[in-house]
Protein backbone atom coordinates (compact mmCIF):
# COMPACT_ATOMS: atom_id res chain seq x y z
CA MET A 1 142.32 50.46 109.25
CA LEU A 2 139.15 52.84 108.62
CA ARG A 3 137.94 51.47 111.94
CA ARG A 4 141.15 52.12 113.70
CA HIS A 5 140.61 55.92 112.96
CA LEU A 6 137.03 56.22 112.66
CA PRO A 7 136.65 57.82 116.07
CA TRP A 8 139.34 60.89 115.47
CA LEU A 9 137.05 61.20 111.70
CA VAL A 10 133.84 61.42 113.71
CA GLY A 11 135.36 63.39 115.98
CA ALA A 12 136.94 65.87 113.70
CA CYS A 13 133.43 66.24 112.29
CA LEU A 14 131.76 67.23 115.07
CA LEU A 15 134.27 69.36 115.80
CA LEU A 16 134.40 71.09 112.03
CA THR A 17 130.33 71.17 113.03
CA GLY A 18 130.64 72.82 116.43
CA MET A 19 133.02 75.48 115.08
CA ILE A 20 130.37 76.59 111.96
CA LEU A 21 127.32 76.69 114.73
CA ASP A 22 129.39 78.63 117.35
CA SER A 23 130.23 81.28 114.78
CA SER A 24 129.22 84.66 115.11
CA SER A 25 128.04 86.86 112.11
CA ASP A 26 129.73 90.36 111.84
CA ALA A 27 128.34 93.95 112.80
CA ARG A 28 131.43 96.42 111.55
CA PRO A 29 130.54 100.40 111.88
CA GLY A 30 127.94 101.05 109.65
CA GLY A 31 125.96 97.85 110.36
CA GLY A 32 126.27 97.12 106.75
CA ARG A 33 127.79 93.77 105.91
CA SER A 34 124.98 92.10 107.18
CA TYR A 35 122.11 94.40 105.49
CA SER A 36 119.96 92.39 103.10
CA ALA A 37 117.78 95.10 101.34
CA PRO A 38 113.73 94.69 101.27
CA SER A 39 112.16 94.38 97.64
CA ARG A 40 110.94 97.65 96.28
CA SER A 41 107.38 97.39 94.74
CA SER A 42 107.16 98.19 91.22
CA SER A 43 105.30 101.50 91.99
CA ARG A 44 108.54 103.21 93.04
CA SER A 45 111.61 102.09 91.25
CA SER A 46 113.50 104.33 93.71
CA PRO A 47 113.74 106.50 96.63
CA SER A 48 112.53 110.41 97.12
CA ARG A 49 115.57 111.64 96.10
CA SER A 50 115.39 110.72 92.47
CA SER A 51 111.55 110.33 92.20
CA SER A 52 108.81 112.64 91.66
CA TYR A 53 105.94 111.97 94.32
CA ARG A 54 101.76 112.69 93.31
CA SER A 55 100.35 114.49 96.54
CA SER A 56 97.47 112.74 98.24
CA SER A 57 94.82 114.44 99.12
CA SER A 58 94.26 112.95 102.34
CA SER A 59 95.19 115.00 105.62
CA SER A 60 95.79 111.79 107.48
CA SER A 61 99.21 109.41 106.58
CA GLY A 62 98.07 108.70 103.60
CA GLY A 63 100.19 106.78 100.74
CA TYR A 64 100.58 104.05 102.86
CA ARG A 65 100.82 100.83 101.67
CA SER A 66 100.69 97.99 104.37
CA THR A 67 100.81 95.41 101.84
CA THR A 68 104.44 94.90 101.38
CA PRO A 69 105.24 91.68 103.53
CA ARG A 70 107.01 92.71 107.12
CA TYR A 71 110.58 90.42 105.56
CA SER A 72 112.00 90.84 102.70
CA SER A 73 114.98 88.84 101.63
CA SER A 74 114.83 89.90 98.23
CA SER A 75 117.26 92.35 96.33
CA GLY A 76 117.01 96.13 95.74
CA SER A 77 116.10 96.89 92.41
CA SER A 78 118.98 97.68 89.76
CA ARG A 79 120.58 101.21 89.05
CA THR A 80 123.27 102.84 86.87
CA THR A 81 125.56 103.60 89.58
CA VAL A 82 125.41 100.05 91.14
CA VAL A 83 126.59 97.12 90.25
CA VAL A 84 125.05 94.03 92.21
CA LEU A 85 127.40 91.33 92.60
CA PRO A 86 126.04 87.58 91.80
CA THR A 87 125.77 85.56 95.11
CA SER A 88 128.37 83.48 95.93
CA SER A 89 127.62 79.64 95.31
CA GLY A 90 129.68 78.39 98.41
CA SER A 91 131.71 75.25 98.81
CA SER A 92 131.81 72.04 98.29
CA TYR A 93 133.47 68.98 99.70
CA GLY A 94 134.41 65.46 98.31
CA GLY A 95 135.66 62.29 99.92
CA GLY A 96 137.60 59.15 98.71
CA SER A 97 136.62 55.75 99.68
CA GLY A 98 138.74 52.87 101.32
CA SER A 99 138.03 49.25 101.00
CA SER A 100 138.94 46.14 103.05
CA ARG A 101 139.87 42.50 101.47
CA SER A 102 137.09 41.23 104.18
CA GLY A 103 134.65 43.84 102.99
CA PRO A 104 133.06 46.27 105.26
CA SER A 105 131.61 45.32 108.11
CA ILE A 106 128.26 46.81 109.88
CA GLY A 107 129.78 48.60 112.33
CA MET A 108 132.12 50.51 109.47
CA ILE A 109 129.27 51.18 107.64
CA VAL A 110 127.00 53.26 110.31
CA GLY A 111 130.48 55.11 110.89
CA ILE A 112 130.61 56.21 107.45
CA THR A 113 127.03 56.97 107.38
CA LEU A 114 127.41 58.98 109.93
CA VAL A 115 130.71 60.89 109.37
CA VAL A 116 128.47 61.61 105.62
CA ALA A 117 125.99 62.91 107.75
CA ILE A 118 127.87 64.75 109.06
CA VAL A 119 129.42 66.71 107.13
CA VAL A 120 126.32 67.23 105.09
CA ILE A 121 124.68 69.11 107.85
CA ALA A 122 127.71 71.26 108.47
CA LEU A 123 127.96 71.75 104.72
CA VAL A 124 124.53 73.18 104.85
CA VAL A 125 124.94 75.15 108.23
CA VAL A 126 127.65 76.64 105.67
CA LEU A 127 125.35 77.27 102.64
CA SER A 128 121.89 78.82 104.52
CA ARG A 129 124.16 81.40 106.74
CA GLY A 130 126.62 82.04 104.06
CA LYS A 131 126.47 85.52 102.74
CA LYS A 132 125.55 87.17 99.65
CA GLU A 133 128.03 89.05 97.55
CA ARG A 134 127.51 92.22 98.88
CA ALA A 135 126.28 95.55 96.18
CA LYS A 136 129.24 98.01 94.89
CA ILE A 137 129.12 101.10 93.51
CA ALA A 138 131.04 102.70 90.33
CA VAL A 139 132.58 106.18 90.91
CA ASP A 140 130.57 108.69 87.58
CA THR A 141 133.74 110.38 86.94
CA GLY A 142 131.34 112.62 84.87
CA LEU A 143 129.31 112.95 88.24
CA GLN A 144 132.41 113.31 90.34
CA GLN A 145 133.79 116.56 88.19
CA ARG A 146 130.33 118.68 88.01
CA ALA A 147 130.18 118.22 91.80
CA ILE A 148 133.40 119.07 92.27
CA LEU A 149 132.94 121.97 90.10
CA ALA A 150 129.80 123.04 91.76
CA LEU A 151 131.81 123.06 95.35
CA GLN A 152 134.55 124.96 94.51
CA LYS A 153 132.01 127.72 92.40
CA GLN A 154 130.63 128.30 96.17
CA ASP A 155 133.76 127.37 97.89
CA PRO A 156 137.29 128.39 96.21
CA GLY A 157 138.79 126.26 98.82
CA PHE A 158 137.66 123.22 98.52
CA ASN A 159 140.03 120.58 97.45
CA GLN A 160 139.38 117.38 96.29
CA GLY A 161 142.79 115.53 97.93
CA ALA A 162 142.40 117.19 101.49
CA PHE A 163 138.38 115.70 101.70
CA VAL A 164 139.08 112.77 100.50
CA GLU A 165 141.68 112.52 103.35
CA ARG A 166 139.80 114.13 105.61
CA THR A 167 137.31 111.52 105.21
CA LYS A 168 139.79 108.80 105.83
CA ALA A 169 140.73 109.88 108.91
CA THR A 170 136.94 110.00 110.13
CA MET A 171 136.49 106.66 108.89
CA ALA A 172 140.01 105.46 111.44
CA LYS A 173 138.24 107.65 114.42
CA VAL A 174 135.28 105.82 114.05
CA ASN A 175 136.81 102.38 113.35
CA GLU A 176 138.86 103.55 116.96
CA ALA A 177 136.32 104.25 119.12
CA TRP A 178 134.06 101.62 117.77
CA LEU A 179 136.38 98.61 118.77
CA GLY A 180 136.87 101.08 122.24
CA GLY A 181 133.11 100.34 123.04
CA SER A 182 132.01 103.72 123.06
CA MET A 183 131.68 106.80 120.30
CA VAL A 184 131.85 109.75 122.66
CA PRO A 185 135.50 109.93 121.13
CA ALA A 186 134.27 110.46 117.39
CA ARG A 187 130.87 112.20 118.44
CA ARG A 188 132.31 115.81 117.37
CA LEU A 189 132.53 114.28 113.87
CA ILE A 190 128.89 112.29 113.47
CA SER A 191 125.55 113.98 113.68
CA ASP A 192 123.52 112.99 116.91
CA GLY A 193 121.75 110.34 114.22
CA VAL A 194 125.05 108.62 113.12
CA PHE A 195 126.25 108.69 117.17
CA ILE A 196 122.98 107.08 118.26
CA ARG A 197 123.12 104.66 115.56
CA PHE A 198 126.61 103.57 116.62
CA GLN A 199 125.92 103.62 120.03
CA THR A 200 122.68 101.32 119.88
CA GLN A 201 124.76 98.54 118.16
CA LEU A 202 127.37 98.95 120.70
CA ALA A 203 125.07 97.86 123.42
CA LEU A 204 122.34 95.88 121.66
CA LEU A 205 126.14 93.61 121.39
CA LYS A 206 127.48 94.27 124.69
CA ALA A 207 123.41 93.00 126.10
CA ASP A 208 124.42 90.06 123.94
CA GLY A 209 127.39 89.42 125.77
CA LEU A 210 129.42 90.26 122.79
CA LYS A 211 131.52 92.70 121.36
CA ASN A 212 132.60 93.02 117.75
CA TRP A 213 136.69 92.77 116.54
CA MET A 214 138.66 93.71 114.15
CA ALA A 215 142.20 92.88 112.31
CA GLU A 216 144.02 93.97 109.83
CA TRP A 217 141.11 96.93 109.16
CA SER A 218 142.28 99.72 106.88
CA VAL A 219 141.09 102.36 104.77
CA VAL A 220 141.45 101.03 100.75
CA SER A 221 139.61 104.03 98.71
CA ALA A 222 137.69 106.91 99.34
CA ASP A 223 135.69 108.70 96.09
CA ILE A 224 133.68 111.55 95.71
CA LEU A 225 130.56 110.28 94.41
CA ALA A 226 128.08 113.36 94.36
CA ALA A 227 127.69 116.75 95.73
CA GLU A 228 124.69 118.49 96.44
CA ALA A 229 123.24 121.58 97.52
CA ASP A 230 119.83 123.28 98.84
CA GLU A 231 119.39 126.26 100.78
CA ASN A 232 120.53 125.21 103.38
CA TYR A 233 123.33 122.86 103.67
CA ASP A 234 125.95 121.57 100.66
CA SER A 235 125.94 117.99 100.93
CA ILE A 236 128.89 115.53 99.59
CA HIS A 237 128.45 111.88 99.22
CA MET A 238 131.66 110.09 99.40
CA LYS A 239 132.10 106.37 98.18
CA VAL A 240 134.14 104.43 100.87
CA VAL A 241 136.03 101.43 101.16
CA GLY A 242 136.95 99.22 104.11
CA LYS A 243 138.56 96.22 104.50
CA ALA A 244 139.07 93.98 107.72
CA ARG A 245 139.04 90.89 109.73
CA ASP A 246 136.23 90.76 111.82
CA LEU A 247 134.31 88.60 113.81
CA GLU A 248 132.05 88.61 117.18
CA VAL A 249 133.61 87.74 120.37
CA PRO A 250 132.53 87.32 123.84
CA PHE A 251 132.57 90.99 125.74
CA ALA A 252 135.25 89.95 128.16
CA THR A 253 137.81 88.37 125.56
CA PRO A 254 141.14 90.35 126.08
CA LYS A 255 142.49 92.45 123.02
CA GLU A 256 145.31 90.13 122.45
CA GLU A 257 143.14 86.86 122.44
CA ALA A 258 140.23 88.88 120.61
CA ASP A 259 143.27 89.94 117.98
CA LYS A 260 144.55 86.29 117.34
CA LYS A 261 140.81 85.04 117.01
CA ALA A 262 140.23 88.00 114.41
CA ARG A 263 143.31 87.25 111.79
CA SER A 264 141.75 83.78 111.43
CA ALA A 265 139.02 85.29 110.12
CA PRO A 266 138.57 86.41 106.00
CA LEU A 267 139.87 89.51 104.85
CA GLU A 268 136.83 91.37 103.48
CA GLU A 269 136.23 94.70 101.83
CA TYR A 270 132.87 96.49 102.25
CA HIS A 271 131.36 99.72 99.69
CA GLU A 272 129.08 102.32 101.89
CA VAL A 273 128.07 106.06 100.79
CA TRP A 274 129.08 107.90 103.81
CA SER A 275 126.82 111.34 103.89
CA PHE A 276 128.97 114.80 104.55
CA ILE A 277 126.94 118.26 105.29
CA ARG A 278 127.92 121.30 105.90
CA ARG A 279 125.71 124.70 106.58
CA ARG A 280 125.55 126.54 103.34
CA GLY A 281 127.86 129.86 103.28
CA GLN A 282 130.37 127.87 105.38
CA LYS A 283 134.02 127.91 103.54
CA SER A 284 136.93 125.63 104.06
CA LYS A 285 138.70 125.81 107.45
CA GLU A 286 142.83 125.02 107.07
CA GLY A 287 142.82 121.64 108.58
CA VAL A 288 139.88 119.71 110.35
CA PRO A 289 139.00 121.50 114.09
CA ALA A 290 136.87 118.70 115.11
CA LEU A 291 139.98 115.78 114.96
CA GLU A 292 142.72 118.51 116.06
CA GLY A 293 140.61 119.36 119.02
CA ARG A 294 139.47 122.71 118.08
CA CYS A 295 135.92 124.37 117.97
CA PRO A 296 135.17 124.75 114.48
CA SER A 297 133.57 128.06 114.60
CA CYS A 298 135.43 129.97 116.97
CA GLY A 299 138.90 127.76 117.31
CA ALA A 300 139.07 127.59 120.79
CA ASP A 301 140.53 124.01 122.48
CA MET A 302 137.69 121.58 123.15
CA PRO A 303 138.81 119.01 125.57
CA LEU A 304 137.72 115.62 124.89
CA SER A 305 134.62 114.96 126.78
CA GLU A 306 130.86 113.59 126.33
CA SER A 307 129.22 117.54 125.52
CA VAL A 308 130.15 118.75 121.80
CA ARG A 309 128.87 122.11 122.97
CA CYS A 310 132.07 125.00 123.31
CA GLU A 311 132.28 126.32 126.38
CA TYR A 312 133.47 129.84 124.93
CA CYS A 313 131.43 131.01 121.80
CA LYS A 314 128.68 127.71 122.40
CA ALA A 315 128.79 126.48 118.73
CA VAL A 316 127.65 122.48 118.68
CA ALA A 317 130.52 121.26 117.45
CA ASN A 318 128.68 118.00 115.21
CA SER A 319 125.60 120.30 114.21
CA GLY A 320 126.49 120.64 110.46
CA GLU A 321 126.21 124.23 111.51
CA HIS A 322 130.28 125.49 111.18
CA ASP A 323 132.12 122.43 109.35
CA TRP A 324 131.49 118.88 107.49
CA VAL A 325 129.94 116.46 109.38
CA LEU A 326 129.20 112.83 108.93
CA ALA A 327 125.42 112.97 108.84
CA GLU A 328 124.35 109.23 107.07
CA ILE A 329 125.69 106.00 106.20
CA THR A 330 123.43 104.40 103.41
CA GLN A 331 123.98 101.11 102.06
CA PRO A 332 125.48 100.61 98.14
CA GLU A 333 121.52 99.26 97.12
CA GLU A 334 120.02 101.95 98.43
CA TRP A 335 121.55 104.76 97.64
CA MET A 336 120.53 107.25 94.70
CA PRO A 337 122.65 111.32 93.49
CA GLY A 338 120.15 114.46 93.62
CA ALA A 339 117.98 115.06 96.62
CA VAL A 340 114.85 117.11 94.66
CA VAL A 341 113.45 118.70 98.02
CA ASP A 342 110.74 119.96 95.92
CA LYS A 343 109.25 117.04 94.67
CA ILE A 344 108.01 115.74 98.14
CA PRO A 345 104.89 116.16 98.59
CA GLY A 346 103.98 119.26 101.26
CA PHE A 347 107.51 120.30 101.90
CA SER A 348 107.63 123.60 100.14
CA ALA A 349 104.61 124.68 101.92
CA LEU A 350 105.88 123.45 105.15
CA LYS A 351 109.39 125.81 104.09
CA LEU A 352 107.03 128.45 103.65
CA LYS A 353 106.42 128.88 107.25
CA ASP A 354 109.76 127.54 108.43
CA PRO A 355 112.60 128.87 106.66
CA THR A 356 115.40 126.48 107.96
CA VAL A 357 113.66 123.20 107.93
CA SER A 358 115.61 120.81 105.86
CA ARG A 359 115.29 117.41 104.44
CA GLN A 360 119.12 116.66 106.27
CA GLU A 361 117.14 117.83 109.89
CA LEU A 362 114.53 115.85 109.50
CA GLU A 363 116.06 112.71 108.37
CA ASP A 364 118.88 113.11 111.13
CA ARG A 365 115.92 113.38 113.58
CA ALA A 366 114.55 110.26 112.36
CA SER A 367 117.38 108.39 112.79
CA VAL A 368 117.81 109.32 116.38
CA ILE A 369 114.24 108.16 116.98
CA PHE A 370 114.75 104.87 114.65
CA TRP A 371 117.23 103.79 116.89
CA LYS A 372 115.71 104.32 120.50
CA TRP A 373 112.90 102.49 119.01
CA ILE A 374 114.94 99.79 117.97
CA GLU A 375 116.44 99.72 121.79
CA SER A 376 112.99 99.65 123.10
CA LYS A 377 111.88 96.97 120.93
CA VAL A 378 114.80 94.86 122.10
CA THR A 379 114.63 95.85 126.13
CA GLY A 380 111.22 95.89 126.62
CA LYS A 381 112.02 99.32 128.35
CA LEU A 382 109.57 101.91 126.51
CA ASP A 383 110.74 104.49 128.92
CA ASN A 384 113.87 104.98 126.55
CA LEU A 385 111.58 106.59 123.86
CA ALA A 386 109.73 108.67 126.00
CA ARG A 387 111.40 111.71 124.99
CA TYR A 388 111.02 111.14 121.56
CA SER A 389 106.78 109.76 121.54
CA LEU A 390 104.21 112.37 120.70
CA GLY A 391 102.64 111.03 124.29
CA LYS A 392 103.04 107.92 126.14
CA PRO A 393 104.77 105.54 123.87
CA GLU A 394 102.36 102.79 123.44
CA PRO A 395 102.90 99.42 122.24
CA GLY A 396 100.40 98.97 119.37
CA ARG A 397 100.60 102.52 118.11
CA LEU A 398 104.28 102.07 117.75
CA GLU A 399 104.68 98.79 117.41
CA LEU A 400 106.99 98.11 119.89
CA ALA A 401 106.52 94.53 120.78
CA LYS A 402 109.47 92.79 122.43
CA VAL A 403 111.46 90.70 120.34
CA LYS A 404 115.29 89.66 119.72
CA LEU A 405 116.90 91.47 116.91
CA ARG A 406 120.51 91.03 115.95
CA GLU A 407 122.90 92.73 112.73
CA VAL A 408 120.43 95.66 112.95
CA ALA A 409 121.28 97.78 110.10
CA VAL A 410 119.73 101.16 107.99
CA GLY A 411 119.75 100.77 104.27
CA SER A 412 118.82 104.55 103.61
CA SER A 413 116.27 107.16 105.23
CA GLU A 414 113.78 109.07 102.89
CA VAL A 415 111.57 111.99 103.42
CA VAL A 416 108.53 111.04 101.27
CA LYS A 417 105.69 113.13 102.68
CA VAL A 418 105.28 116.31 104.51
CA GLU A 419 102.12 117.80 105.73
CA ALA A 420 102.30 121.17 107.03
CA GLY A 421 100.18 122.68 110.00
CA GLN A 422 98.14 126.09 110.46
CA PRO A 423 99.96 127.99 112.80
CA GLY A 424 97.78 129.41 115.61
CA VAL A 425 95.02 127.23 115.31
CA GLU A 426 94.96 124.98 118.02
CA GLY A 427 95.94 121.22 117.84
CA SER A 428 97.49 121.49 114.45
CA MET A 429 100.31 119.66 113.75
CA ASP A 430 103.14 119.09 111.38
CA GLN A 431 103.58 116.14 109.73
CA VAL A 432 106.27 114.54 108.37
CA LEU A 433 106.63 110.73 106.85
CA ILE A 434 110.16 109.24 106.49
CA GLU A 435 110.17 105.67 105.46
CA ILE A 436 113.17 103.30 106.73
CA ARG A 437 114.58 100.78 105.04
CA TRP A 438 116.32 98.19 107.31
CA SER A 439 117.09 94.91 107.94
CA ALA A 440 117.80 92.64 110.96
CA SER A 441 118.14 88.59 112.64
CA VAL A 442 114.77 88.81 113.69
CA GLU A 443 115.14 85.77 116.88
CA GLY A 444 118.21 84.31 115.32
CA ASN A 445 117.08 83.76 112.04
CA PRO A 446 119.11 85.23 109.06
CA PRO A 447 118.73 88.62 108.30
CA GLU A 448 115.62 89.91 106.42
CA GLY A 449 114.94 93.17 105.10
CA MET A 450 111.98 95.16 106.01
CA ILE A 451 110.38 98.63 106.15
CA HIS A 452 108.00 100.91 108.16
CA VAL A 453 107.42 104.61 108.04
CA PHE A 454 107.95 106.58 110.75
CA VAL A 455 105.00 109.66 111.06
CA LEU A 456 106.54 112.56 113.10
CA GLN A 457 104.86 115.56 114.28
CA ARG A 458 105.27 118.50 116.26
CA PRO A 459 102.78 121.60 117.26
CA ALA A 460 102.55 123.66 114.14
CA ALA A 461 103.78 126.68 115.48
CA LEU A 462 107.12 125.47 116.27
CA GLN A 463 110.91 126.67 114.02
CA SER A 464 113.54 124.53 113.20
CA LYS A 465 116.59 126.52 114.67
CA ARG A 466 119.05 123.98 115.94
CA GLY A 467 120.64 122.21 112.93
CA LEU A 468 120.93 118.27 113.30
CA ALA A 469 121.36 118.65 117.24
CA SER A 470 119.02 116.19 119.13
CA LEU A 471 120.70 115.30 122.00
CA ASP A 472 120.33 118.70 123.78
CA CYS A 473 117.83 120.56 125.44
CA PRO A 474 115.21 122.26 123.04
CA ASN A 475 114.86 124.80 125.87
CA CYS A 476 117.78 125.90 127.15
CA ALA A 477 120.08 124.09 124.31
CA GLY A 478 122.24 122.58 127.77
CA PRO A 479 124.34 119.43 126.59
CA LEU A 480 122.46 116.69 127.45
CA PRO A 481 124.76 113.41 128.83
CA GLU A 482 122.29 110.83 128.79
CA SER A 483 120.10 110.23 124.93
CA ASP A 484 116.71 109.23 126.77
CA ALA A 485 117.45 112.02 129.63
CA ALA A 486 113.97 112.96 130.80
CA PHE A 487 115.01 116.68 132.35
CA CYS A 488 117.33 118.80 131.52
CA SER A 489 119.98 119.47 134.67
CA TYR A 490 120.72 123.35 133.38
CA CYS A 491 117.30 124.58 133.16
CA GLY A 492 115.12 122.21 134.84
CA GLU A 493 112.76 121.62 131.59
CA ALA A 494 110.85 118.43 131.38
CA PHE A 495 111.14 116.94 128.05
CA THR A 496 107.59 116.20 126.79
CA GLY A 497 107.69 114.30 123.25
CA GLY A 498 106.08 116.90 120.64
CA LYS A 499 106.19 120.00 122.69
CA GLN A 500 109.54 121.19 121.84
CA GLU A 501 110.71 119.53 118.99
CA TRP A 502 109.63 116.34 116.15
CA ALA A 503 108.32 113.11 117.72
CA LEU A 504 107.34 109.93 116.98
CA SER A 505 103.35 109.84 116.46
CA THR A 506 102.45 106.40 114.72
CA VAL A 507 104.80 103.64 113.19
CA LEU A 508 103.61 101.99 109.73
CA THR A 509 104.71 98.50 108.60
CA GLY A 510 105.41 98.83 104.84
CA GLU A 511 106.41 100.60 101.90
CA TYR A 512 105.46 104.02 101.25
CA ASP A 513 103.31 104.27 97.81
CA PRO A 514 102.50 107.72 96.71
CA ASP A 515 99.70 106.09 93.74
CA TRP A 516 97.66 105.07 96.69
CA ASN A 517 95.45 107.01 99.11
CA ASP A 518 92.54 106.85 101.72
CA GLU A 519 89.73 106.52 98.59
CA ASP A 520 91.22 103.40 97.40
CA ASP A 521 90.72 101.59 100.38
CA ASP A 522 86.66 103.03 100.43
CA ASP A 523 86.87 101.67 97.05
CA GLU A 524 88.01 98.45 97.77
CA GLU A 525 85.70 97.66 100.76
């Protein structure tokens, strides 16, 4: 009996193994489903938003420790507002045995051995590719209520329920644009950093001949986690929970077929922190102008287009200057409340000579540059980074060796140190160090955590003046059709990295350590 059905059994096992090996990983908006948190050193248990940093006396990029492994799959440190669930143990399979009056033949023994081997291989693959249960966030009701009261004190019209609905509508619009393959329809709701993040993720998938597809997507909940304010911006951090069946399918897959395949994927929840910012002093508006096709500044109609600049009042809809805009997506493992910019070494000195500079502007700019950096690493096209690089992009200085990356996800982007230059001194530059915690699948391996410090510079005489807008002309503010445009089609200005705006000077591998400086290096030698 077994001998008769053995070929069918072997074939079924081979088919099962093939399906497992061919299964693709997921990359829903935000990129957080596959995020693998890099480890933190004992000297830094939390990001800059909740820690004080001791300033280094070095005028270079001191405070950077390069001993952290390039790839680390360990999880981040535990925190009171983050609950990390245990790793799932996977599945086990069992089988029965049959008997024959005449005893098993050599052929049957070989066949059974082959079947068992195939099942074991399939199981090993499943376990090796199985994803750890992602971190989740618990809402601190006390922190939430303090946030709401603080917002209402300076903006009496702020309504918690209305903002929750606004967040859900933003999630839906972002998801709709993602599935459509272009983030343009949602661009007015998201900062340039978030826009480039999504656009690059979509481009990387397309380059691999794939697209991410979802079925049964829904918003499970949206809750205020915390709120904060500085001299420039109000910020609201929202815990968002979504649910979907999703997977990657060949790019040319028709919608009906993609829907059918997605419905076979498991229905899973994901948690993220979506941070919205708005210029300090702005008040709540009726409705959501950017969602309703209106300018958030003057209320004029703004037909959907690549441009986010109002043709009447010239306001930039997604700059955060006039209404709330999604400025950052943080993974649960990395999020902490409470930005403390006065504890970032050097930030106060920079603000003295540039009152409008903000942590939000710097981190959004770093996000734009990071994703252009990823694009250049994957494609090998260094010109894509030219506008954002201080001088010609150099593979060694900027770590631009070509590599195959997939499932790229950012955990957090944090300003860790600032050094103010001296205006009027020739060649003097402002400098900011931004630590980016991210993960990716490298050359087909499982996603692993990485940490890089991006060193950005600009001439010391420059002043911040454009909110979060990074994708318009820094000379005439004309809208740019492409994020890597080399010159402005309106005024003809050529974009030379660092001449008009923050640009990438150096990329360092490893975690920023405030307790390390150049003198330690000399002692070790």
